[in-house]
Protein backbone atom coordinates (compact mmCIF):
# COMPACT_ATOMS: atom_id res chain seq x y z
CA MET A 1 196.81 -54.40 75.89
CA ASN A 2 196.99 -54.20 72.07
CA ASP A 3 193.20 -53.92 71.84
CA ASN A 4 193.19 -50.87 74.09
CA ILE A 5 191.45 -48.03 72.24
CA LEU A 6 194.07 -45.57 73.50
CA LEU A 7 196.63 -47.40 71.40
CA THR A 8 194.52 -48.24 68.36
CA LYS A 9 191.83 -45.61 67.67
CA ASN A 10 192.74 -42.52 65.64
CA ILE A 11 193.75 -39.41 67.57
CA PRO A 12 190.78 -37.15 66.63
CA PHE A 13 188.41 -39.87 67.89
CA LEU A 14 190.32 -40.19 71.17
CA PHE A 15 190.51 -36.41 71.50
CA LYS A 16 186.73 -36.16 71.32
CA LYS A 17 186.14 -39.13 73.64
CA PHE A 18 188.58 -38.07 76.35
CA VAL A 19 189.07 -34.32 76.03
CA ILE A 20 185.48 -33.11 75.60
CA PRO A 21 184.19 -34.87 78.76
CA SER A 22 187.30 -33.69 80.60
CA VAL A 23 186.79 -30.05 79.58
CA ILE A 24 183.12 -30.10 80.54
CA ALA A 25 183.90 -31.88 83.82
CA MET A 26 186.58 -29.33 84.69
CA LEU A 27 184.25 -26.46 83.79
CA ILE A 28 181.58 -27.84 86.07
CA THR A 29 184.14 -28.37 88.84
CA GLY A 30 185.29 -24.79 88.46
CA LEU A 31 181.71 -23.59 88.60
CA GLN A 32 181.44 -24.74 92.21
CA SER A 33 183.18 -21.72 93.72
CA MET A 34 181.61 -19.45 91.10
CA ILE A 35 178.17 -20.57 92.19
CA ASP A 36 179.11 -19.60 95.75
CA GLY A 37 180.14 -16.21 94.38
CA LEU A 38 176.86 -15.71 92.53
CA PHE A 39 174.75 -16.51 95.60
CA THR A 40 176.87 -14.69 98.17
CA GLY A 41 177.57 -11.68 95.94
CA ASN A 42 173.92 -11.14 95.06
CA ILE A 43 172.34 -12.15 98.39
CA LEU A 44 174.96 -11.29 101.02
CA GLY A 45 176.94 -8.57 99.19
CA PRO A 46 180.50 -8.00 97.89
CA ASN A 47 182.18 -8.51 101.28
CA ALA A 48 180.84 -12.05 101.55
CA MET A 49 181.96 -12.77 97.98
CA ALA A 50 185.42 -11.33 98.71
CA SER A 51 185.70 -13.52 101.81
CA ILE A 52 185.27 -16.65 99.70
CA ASN A 53 188.12 -15.52 97.47
CA ILE A 54 190.31 -14.92 100.52
CA SER A 55 189.44 -18.47 101.64
CA LEU A 56 190.34 -19.82 98.19
CA PRO A 57 194.01 -20.60 98.99
CA PHE A 58 192.88 -23.05 101.68
CA VAL A 59 190.54 -24.76 99.21
CA GLN A 60 193.32 -24.77 96.62
CA VAL A 61 195.63 -26.55 99.06
CA ILE A 62 193.07 -29.35 99.35
CA ILE A 63 192.74 -29.49 95.56
CA ALA A 64 196.53 -29.30 95.10
CA LEU A 65 197.21 -32.28 97.32
CA SER A 66 194.42 -34.20 95.58
CA MET A 67 195.79 -33.32 92.15
CA ILE A 68 199.36 -34.28 93.01
CA VAL A 69 198.26 -37.80 93.88
CA SER A 70 195.41 -38.12 91.35
CA ILE A 71 197.27 -36.87 88.27
CA GLY A 72 200.53 -38.47 89.39
CA SER A 73 198.90 -41.86 89.81
CA GLN A 74 196.98 -41.49 86.52
CA SER A 75 200.23 -40.82 84.69
CA PHE A 76 202.03 -43.65 86.50
CA MET A 77 199.19 -46.11 85.88
CA GLY A 78 198.93 -45.13 82.22
CA LEU A 79 202.64 -45.56 81.61
CA SER A 80 202.64 -48.85 83.56
CA ILE A 81 199.67 -50.37 81.74
CA GLY A 82 201.00 -49.11 78.38
CA SER A 83 204.24 -51.00 79.02
CA GLY A 84 202.46 -54.11 80.39
CA GLU A 85 203.24 -53.65 84.11
CA ILE A 86 199.71 -54.14 85.44
CA ASP A 87 200.66 -54.96 89.05
CA ASN A 88 202.45 -51.64 89.42
CA ALA A 89 199.29 -49.86 88.31
CA LYS A 90 197.19 -51.74 90.87
CA ASP A 91 199.63 -50.92 93.67
CA ALA A 92 199.69 -47.27 92.63
CA PHE A 93 195.91 -47.01 92.89
CA LYS A 94 195.70 -48.65 96.33
CA THR A 95 198.59 -46.55 97.63
CA SER A 96 197.00 -43.36 96.31
CA ILE A 97 193.76 -44.06 98.17
CA ILE A 98 195.65 -44.44 101.45
CA ILE A 99 197.74 -41.30 100.92
CA ILE A 100 194.79 -39.07 100.00
CA SER A 101 192.66 -40.33 102.90
CA SER A 102 195.44 -39.72 105.42
CA VAL A 103 196.34 -36.24 104.21
CA GLY A 104 192.68 -35.24 103.87
CA PHE A 105 192.00 -36.25 107.48
CA LEU A 106 194.90 -34.08 108.65
CA ILE A 107 193.55 -31.10 106.66
CA THR A 108 190.13 -31.57 108.27
CA ILE A 109 191.59 -31.39 111.77
CA VAL A 110 193.76 -28.34 111.02
CA GLY A 111 191.02 -26.45 109.17
CA PHE A 112 188.35 -27.12 111.77
CA ILE A 113 190.47 -26.17 114.78
CA PHE A 114 192.64 -23.36 113.42
CA ASN A 115 190.26 -21.69 110.95
CA LYS A 116 190.60 -18.18 112.41
CA GLN A 117 194.38 -18.35 112.48
CA ILE A 118 194.38 -19.54 108.86
CA ALA A 119 192.02 -16.70 107.87
CA ILE A 120 194.38 -14.13 109.40
CA ILE A 121 197.39 -15.68 107.65
CA LEU A 122 195.50 -15.50 104.34
CA GLY A 123 195.13 -11.74 104.77
CA SER A 124 191.58 -11.38 106.02
CA SER A 125 190.67 -7.97 107.35
CA GLU A 126 188.80 -7.67 110.64
CA LEU A 127 185.66 -6.90 108.67
CA LEU A 128 185.84 -10.21 106.78
CA LEU A 129 187.33 -12.43 109.50
CA ASP A 130 184.11 -14.19 110.57
CA TYR A 131 183.13 -14.86 106.98
CA VAL A 132 186.53 -16.27 106.00
CA SER A 133 187.05 -18.44 109.10
CA THR A 134 183.54 -19.88 108.82
CA TYR A 135 184.04 -20.85 105.18
CA ILE A 136 187.37 -22.54 105.96
CA LYS A 137 185.94 -24.43 108.93
CA TYR A 138 183.08 -26.05 107.05
CA VAL A 139 184.94 -26.75 103.81
CA ALA A 140 187.56 -28.61 105.88
CA LEU A 141 184.95 -31.05 107.18
CA LEU A 142 184.57 -32.64 103.75
CA ALA A 143 188.24 -32.68 102.72
CA VAL A 144 188.57 -36.49 102.70
CA PRO A 145 185.59 -37.47 100.52
CA ALA A 146 186.10 -34.47 98.24
CA SER A 147 189.76 -35.42 97.69
CA LEU A 148 188.90 -39.06 97.01
CA SER A 149 186.37 -37.89 94.42
CA PHE A 150 189.22 -36.38 92.40
CA LEU A 151 191.24 -39.61 92.57
CA PHE A 152 188.39 -41.88 91.52
CA GLY A 153 187.15 -39.38 88.95
CA PHE A 154 190.48 -39.01 87.17
CA SER A 155 191.13 -42.75 87.36
CA THR A 156 188.00 -43.51 85.32
CA ARG A 157 190.07 -42.48 82.31
CA ILE A 158 192.41 -45.40 82.95
CA LEU A 159 189.33 -47.62 82.68
CA GLU A 160 188.59 -45.92 79.32
CA LYS A 161 185.41 -44.38 80.78
CA PRO A 162 186.06 -40.62 80.96
CA GLU A 163 182.33 -39.97 80.65
CA MET A 164 181.80 -41.25 84.22
CA TYR A 165 183.65 -38.32 85.77
CA PHE A 166 181.75 -36.00 83.46
CA ARG A 167 178.45 -37.41 84.74
CA GLY A 168 179.65 -37.11 88.31
CA THR A 169 180.43 -33.44 87.87
CA ILE A 170 176.99 -32.79 86.38
CA LEU A 171 175.46 -34.24 89.54
CA SER A 172 177.78 -32.10 91.66
CA LEU A 173 176.69 -28.96 89.80
CA PHE A 174 173.02 -29.55 90.56
CA VAL A 175 173.84 -30.44 94.17
CA ASN A 176 175.76 -27.17 94.59
CA ILE A 177 173.05 -24.98 93.05
CA ILE A 178 170.25 -26.61 95.04
CA LEU A 179 172.15 -26.53 98.34
CA ASN A 180 173.28 -22.92 97.83
CA TYR A 181 169.69 -21.91 97.21
CA ILE A 182 168.38 -23.82 100.22
CA LEU A 183 171.17 -23.02 102.68
CA ILE A 184 171.86 -19.37 101.74
CA TYR A 185 168.54 -18.10 100.41
CA LYS A 186 166.05 -20.18 102.40
CA PHE A 187 167.85 -21.08 105.65
CA LYS A 188 169.94 -17.88 105.80
CA LEU A 189 173.16 -19.74 106.70
CA GLY A 190 175.40 -17.27 104.85
CA VAL A 191 178.94 -18.35 103.93
CA MET A 192 178.58 -21.44 106.12
CA GLY A 193 175.87 -22.59 103.73
CA ALA A 194 178.11 -21.81 100.74
CA ALA A 195 180.95 -23.88 102.24
CA ILE A 196 178.70 -26.86 103.02
CA ALA A 197 177.18 -26.69 99.54
CA THR A 198 180.55 -26.67 97.80
CA GLY A 199 182.08 -29.44 99.94
CA THR A 200 179.01 -31.64 99.49
CA ALA A 201 178.99 -30.98 95.74
CA TYR A 202 182.60 -32.15 95.36
CA THR A 203 181.82 -35.22 97.46
CA SER A 204 178.72 -36.16 95.44
CA VAL A 205 180.92 -37.06 92.45
CA MET A 206 181.83 -40.28 94.28
CA PHE A 207 178.30 -41.63 93.93
CA VAL A 208 178.79 -41.79 90.16
CA VAL A 209 182.46 -42.68 89.63
CA ILE A 210 183.09 -45.35 92.26
CA TRP A 211 181.07 -48.25 90.82
CA ASP A 212 183.54 -49.63 88.29
CA PHE A 213 186.23 -49.64 90.95
CA LEU A 214 184.07 -52.00 93.02
CA LYS A 215 184.30 -54.62 90.25
CA LYS A 216 187.19 -57.07 90.56
CA GLU A 217 187.31 -57.52 86.78
CA SER A 218 188.32 -53.85 86.32
CA VAL A 219 192.02 -53.47 85.52
CA ILE A 220 192.29 -51.27 88.61
CA ASN A 221 189.90 -51.57 91.55
CA ILE A 222 189.80 -51.05 95.31
CA PHE A 223 190.38 -54.75 96.06
CA ASP A 224 193.53 -55.53 94.08
CA GLY A 225 196.97 -54.13 94.75
CA LYS A 226 198.71 -53.28 97.98
CA PHE A 227 200.30 -50.32 99.69
CA ASN A 228 203.69 -50.06 98.03
CA LYS A 229 206.09 -47.43 99.31
CA ASN A 230 208.17 -47.80 96.14
CA VAL A 231 205.45 -46.22 93.99
CA ILE A 232 204.98 -43.18 96.26
CA LYS A 233 207.98 -41.32 94.89
CA PRO A 234 207.11 -41.68 91.17
CA ILE A 235 203.45 -40.83 91.88
CA LEU A 236 204.32 -37.66 93.78
CA TYR A 237 207.09 -36.81 91.33
CA ASN A 238 204.85 -37.22 88.28
CA GLY A 239 202.04 -35.29 89.92
CA SER A 240 204.21 -32.56 91.40
CA SER A 241 203.56 -30.11 88.57
CA GLU A 242 199.79 -30.42 89.02
CA GLY A 243 200.30 -29.70 92.67
CA VAL A 244 202.40 -26.71 91.73
CA ASN A 245 199.56 -25.48 89.48
CA SER A 246 197.05 -25.67 92.31
CA LEU A 247 199.44 -24.35 94.95
CA SER A 248 200.38 -21.48 92.67
CA SER A 249 196.68 -20.67 92.34
CA ALA A 250 196.55 -20.52 96.12
CA LEU A 251 199.69 -18.39 96.31
CA ASN A 252 198.52 -16.05 93.57
CA ALA A 253 195.09 -15.62 95.13
CA PHE A 254 196.83 -14.72 98.38
CA LEU A 255 199.24 -12.28 96.72
CA PHE A 256 196.53 -10.61 94.63
CA ASN A 257 194.23 -10.30 97.62
CA MET A 258 197.01 -8.70 99.65
CA ALA A 259 197.99 -6.35 96.80
CA PHE A 260 194.43 -5.23 96.10
CA MET A 261 193.64 -4.90 99.80
CA ARG A 262 196.66 -2.60 100.15
CA ILE A 263 195.92 -0.50 97.05
CA SER A 264 192.11 -0.36 96.94
CA GLY A 265 190.75 -2.21 100.00
CA GLU A 266 187.84 -4.66 100.10
CA LEU A 267 186.41 -3.23 96.86
CA GLY A 268 189.65 -4.09 95.06
CA VAL A 269 189.50 -7.67 96.36
CA ALA A 270 185.86 -7.92 95.25
CA SER A 271 186.78 -6.69 91.75
CA PHE A 272 189.56 -9.25 91.48
CA THR A 273 187.17 -11.94 92.71
CA ALA A 274 184.64 -11.11 89.98
CA ILE A 275 187.26 -11.20 87.22
CA SER A 276 188.91 -14.36 88.57
CA TYR A 277 185.55 -16.13 88.42
CA ILE A 278 185.12 -15.14 84.78
CA ALA A 279 188.72 -15.87 83.75
CA GLN A 280 188.45 -19.18 85.54
CA PHE A 281 186.19 -20.43 82.75
CA GLY A 282 188.94 -20.08 80.16
CA THR A 283 191.70 -21.40 82.38
CA ILE A 284 189.68 -24.43 83.41
CA MET A 285 188.97 -25.28 79.77
CA MET A 286 192.73 -25.35 79.20
CA PHE A 287 193.20 -27.60 82.21
CA GLY A 288 190.43 -29.83 80.90
CA ILE A 289 192.33 -30.29 77.64
CA SER A 290 195.55 -30.94 79.55
CA ASP A 291 193.92 -33.57 81.76
CA GLY A 292 191.97 -35.12 78.89
CA ILE A 293 195.03 -35.79 76.73
CA GLY A 294 196.95 -37.23 79.71
CA PRO A 295 195.97 -40.90 79.37
CA ILE A 296 196.22 -40.75 75.56
CA VAL A 297 199.75 -39.39 75.78
CA SER A 298 200.94 -41.64 78.62
CA TYR A 299 199.62 -44.87 77.07
CA ASN A 300 201.14 -44.11 73.66
CA TYR A 301 204.39 -42.77 75.07
CA GLY A 302 204.68 -45.90 77.22
CA SER A 303 204.24 -48.05 74.08
CA LYS A 304 206.70 -45.82 72.14
CA SER A 305 204.07 -44.67 69.62
CA TYR A 306 205.73 -41.25 69.36
CA GLU A 307 204.04 -40.08 66.16
CA ARG A 308 200.67 -40.46 67.86
CA VAL A 309 201.97 -38.51 70.84
CA LYS A 310 203.07 -35.61 68.63
CA GLU A 311 199.74 -35.66 66.82
CA VAL A 312 197.94 -35.20 70.16
CA LEU A 313 200.11 -32.19 70.98
CA LYS A 314 199.51 -30.56 67.58
CA LEU A 315 195.74 -30.97 67.80
CA SER A 316 195.73 -29.62 71.36
CA SER A 317 197.67 -26.53 70.27
CA LYS A 318 195.07 -25.65 67.62
CA VAL A 319 192.21 -26.01 70.08
CA ILE A 320 193.78 -23.98 72.89
CA MET A 321 194.63 -21.13 70.51
CA SER A 322 190.97 -20.95 69.45
CA ILE A 323 189.79 -20.94 73.06
CA GLY A 324 192.35 -18.29 74.01
CA ILE A 325 191.14 -15.90 71.32
CA PHE A 326 187.52 -16.45 72.36
CA ILE A 327 188.20 -15.73 76.05
CA PHE A 328 190.23 -12.64 75.17
CA VAL A 329 187.33 -11.21 73.15
CA LEU A 330 184.89 -12.08 75.93
CA LEU A 331 186.90 -10.35 78.67
CA PHE A 332 188.01 -7.37 76.59
CA PHE A 333 184.69 -6.41 75.03
CA PHE A 334 182.05 -7.85 77.37
CA GLY A 335 183.72 -7.53 80.77
CA GLU A 336 181.14 -5.15 82.21
CA ASN A 337 178.19 -7.40 81.37
CA LEU A 338 179.92 -10.37 82.97
CA VAL A 339 181.03 -8.53 86.12
CA ASN A 340 177.47 -7.32 86.72
CA LEU A 341 176.41 -10.94 87.15
CA PHE A 342 178.32 -10.97 90.43
CA VAL A 343 178.22 -7.41 91.79
CA SER A 344 175.32 -5.63 90.11
CA GLY A 345 174.91 -2.09 91.43
CA GLU A 346 178.41 -1.82 92.92
CA ASP A 347 179.72 0.84 90.53
CA GLU A 348 183.25 1.15 91.92
CA VAL A 349 183.80 -2.60 91.99
CA VAL A 350 182.51 -2.88 88.41
CA ARG A 351 184.81 -0.08 87.21
CA LEU A 352 187.90 -1.65 88.80
CA ALA A 353 187.02 -5.09 87.45
CA VAL A 354 186.26 -3.96 83.89
CA ASP A 355 189.53 -2.02 83.63
CA GLY A 356 191.43 -5.01 84.98
CA ALA A 357 189.70 -7.47 82.65
CA LYS A 358 191.14 -5.79 79.56
CA ILE A 359 194.67 -6.28 80.88
CA TYR A 360 194.08 -9.76 82.30
CA ALA A 361 192.66 -10.88 78.94
CA LEU A 362 196.11 -10.73 77.33
CA ALA A 363 197.15 -13.80 79.31
CA PHE A 364 194.84 -16.02 77.29
CA PHE A 365 197.04 -15.84 74.21
CA MET A 366 199.65 -17.86 76.12
CA ASN A 367 198.32 -19.57 79.24
CA GLY A 368 196.66 -22.45 77.37
CA PHE A 369 199.98 -23.47 75.85
CA ASN A 370 201.66 -23.33 79.25
CA ILE A 371 198.96 -25.42 80.93
CA VAL A 372 198.94 -28.07 78.18
CA TYR A 373 202.74 -28.17 78.01
CA SER A 374 202.90 -28.82 81.74
CA GLY A 375 200.28 -31.57 81.53
CA PHE A 376 202.01 -33.09 78.50
CA PHE A 377 205.32 -33.37 80.37
CA THR A 378 203.53 -34.98 83.32
CA ALA A 379 201.94 -37.55 81.00
CA ILE A 380 205.30 -38.61 79.53
CA GLY A 381 206.91 -38.82 82.97
CA ASP A 382 209.12 -35.74 82.52
CA ALA A 383 208.19 -34.21 85.86
CA LYS A 384 211.18 -31.86 85.86
CA SER A 385 210.07 -30.01 82.72
CA SER A 386 206.47 -30.04 83.92
CA VAL A 387 207.42 -28.43 87.23
CA ILE A 388 209.53 -25.80 85.44
CA VAL A 389 206.55 -24.72 83.33
CA ALA A 390 204.03 -24.91 86.16
CA SER A 391 206.33 -23.01 88.53
CA GLY A 392 207.09 -20.35 85.95
CA ARG A 393 203.48 -19.36 85.33
CA GLY A 394 202.58 -19.44 89.01
CA ILE A 395 205.20 -19.49 91.72
CA LEU A 396 208.09 -17.63 90.07
CA PHE A 397 207.00 -14.90 87.67
CA VAL A 398 203.63 -13.82 89.08
CA PRO A 399 205.12 -12.84 92.47
CA LEU A 400 207.96 -11.12 90.60
CA GLY A 401 205.43 -9.17 88.55
CA ILE A 402 203.41 -8.21 91.63
CA ILE A 403 206.55 -6.88 93.31
CA ILE A 404 207.79 -4.85 90.32
CA LEU A 405 204.88 -3.85 88.07
CA PRO A 406 202.56 -2.05 90.56
CA GLN A 407 205.43 0.30 91.39
CA ILE A 408 205.43 1.37 87.74
CA PHE A 409 201.78 1.07 86.71
CA GLY A 410 199.88 1.23 90.00
CA VAL A 411 196.79 -1.00 90.23
CA ASP A 412 197.13 -1.86 86.51
CA GLY A 413 200.48 -3.40 87.36
CA VAL A 414 198.78 -5.95 89.60
CA TRP A 415 196.55 -7.05 86.71
CA LEU A 416 199.51 -7.05 84.32
CA SER A 417 201.39 -9.57 86.48
CA ILE A 418 199.45 -12.48 84.97
CA PRO A 419 200.19 -11.76 81.25
CA PHE A 420 203.80 -10.98 82.25
CA ALA A 421 204.23 -14.40 83.88
CA GLU A 422 202.50 -16.30 81.07
CA LEU A 423 204.67 -14.68 78.39
CA ILE A 424 207.98 -15.58 80.02
CA THR A 425 206.77 -19.10 80.78
CA PHE A 426 205.58 -19.58 77.19
CA VAL A 427 209.08 -18.89 75.89
CA ILE A 428 210.60 -21.40 78.33
CA GLY A 429 207.92 -24.02 77.65
CA SER A 430 208.37 -23.76 73.89
CA VAL A 431 212.08 -24.51 74.23
CA LEU A 432 211.34 -27.58 76.40
CA ILE A 433 208.69 -28.85 73.96
CA LYS A 434 211.17 -28.60 71.10
CA LYS A 435 213.65 -30.71 73.05
CA SER A 436 210.96 -33.32 73.70
CA ASN A 437 210.00 -33.44 70.02
CA ASP A 438 213.65 -33.79 69.03
CA TYR A 439 213.96 -36.76 71.39
CA MET A 440 210.89 -38.47 69.90
CA ASP A 441 212.16 -37.82 66.36
CA LYS A 442 215.38 -39.67 67.18
CA ASN A 443 213.72 -42.66 68.83
């Protein structure tokens, strides 16, 4: 594997080749739900848009399970190939396909049959219940192919072809826009049309990324390898932090929806939905960097090229700081213009969202570091540290902030929960990164 570009090309070259397509692909992936918001918010109104956000935790569960296996197997395969253990990488890929297909089928059954019960659990009001349950029902139908699209898409990086997933996401973007227009605007299918459009868009990625995995000469493909129960644990362990990231998104969406529904009703949920769509751009860019550096880090860490690993981390830190400042300025100074894209004419929703955006924006000075730190630990196989960082910014400190801060600051306290969680996590993550660097310096 000495001729592998991940081990031989300079880091800035690899950063451009792997990270830029990853960032763009993640941005396009994140646009899928935003496109639903644009169509439903402007055609069907703020209640329909809010219902999609209430449904988001269910979608995030699908994505979380996909990410656990996809990122976990990518990390495992990268480390295995970097250390010359090709058969382990092949087994990991075949095992991952079986796991994702089985879990996705179960999600389809549960979502299709119990959609109303799930909608109620997620905090839907009676007014939004039909919207929410319908969205869940039809998104669930495409859980299996959508989940497999993540696995095959992320695995293209192991084949040194990150541009394939990028191309797949471009196709998915056009599919989503066209189907939303046809199903919502032309056929008047409402949120059902939005759900079908989004599920189909995720699935369409497969038509671009699968081809190299159908070639037996590819280092990993669908023919080689076998189901190996021994690789399940390291795959799930390595990918656990990515699952935590997605599950925490689901948990946080649920908690924020509940908090805003209690304090300011459906309008509060709609305002949060508008801001979350906008902030999602910045957050997804950070995740794109995290995912893009994954194979570079895992290959080089597996081959003990520690100086190259540290160089990747330093370059990533400079980029995420620049992005964080840009997103802060965007949210703080241009929040009203952006919110009006989703809920034009809804003055109260706009006011709540604009006020919240200025507080939410503070998170972008820190969240990029936390996201990249978590992805970095996953790439080097340090799942424990990765889970600590991912849990801190999502599962642990956001709920704590939502419990405490609104009692002091009212509705502003709900918005402040995100910067609060990111700040504490940043301190913890910085300590863990220093320990990792110290280890590499000694070895």
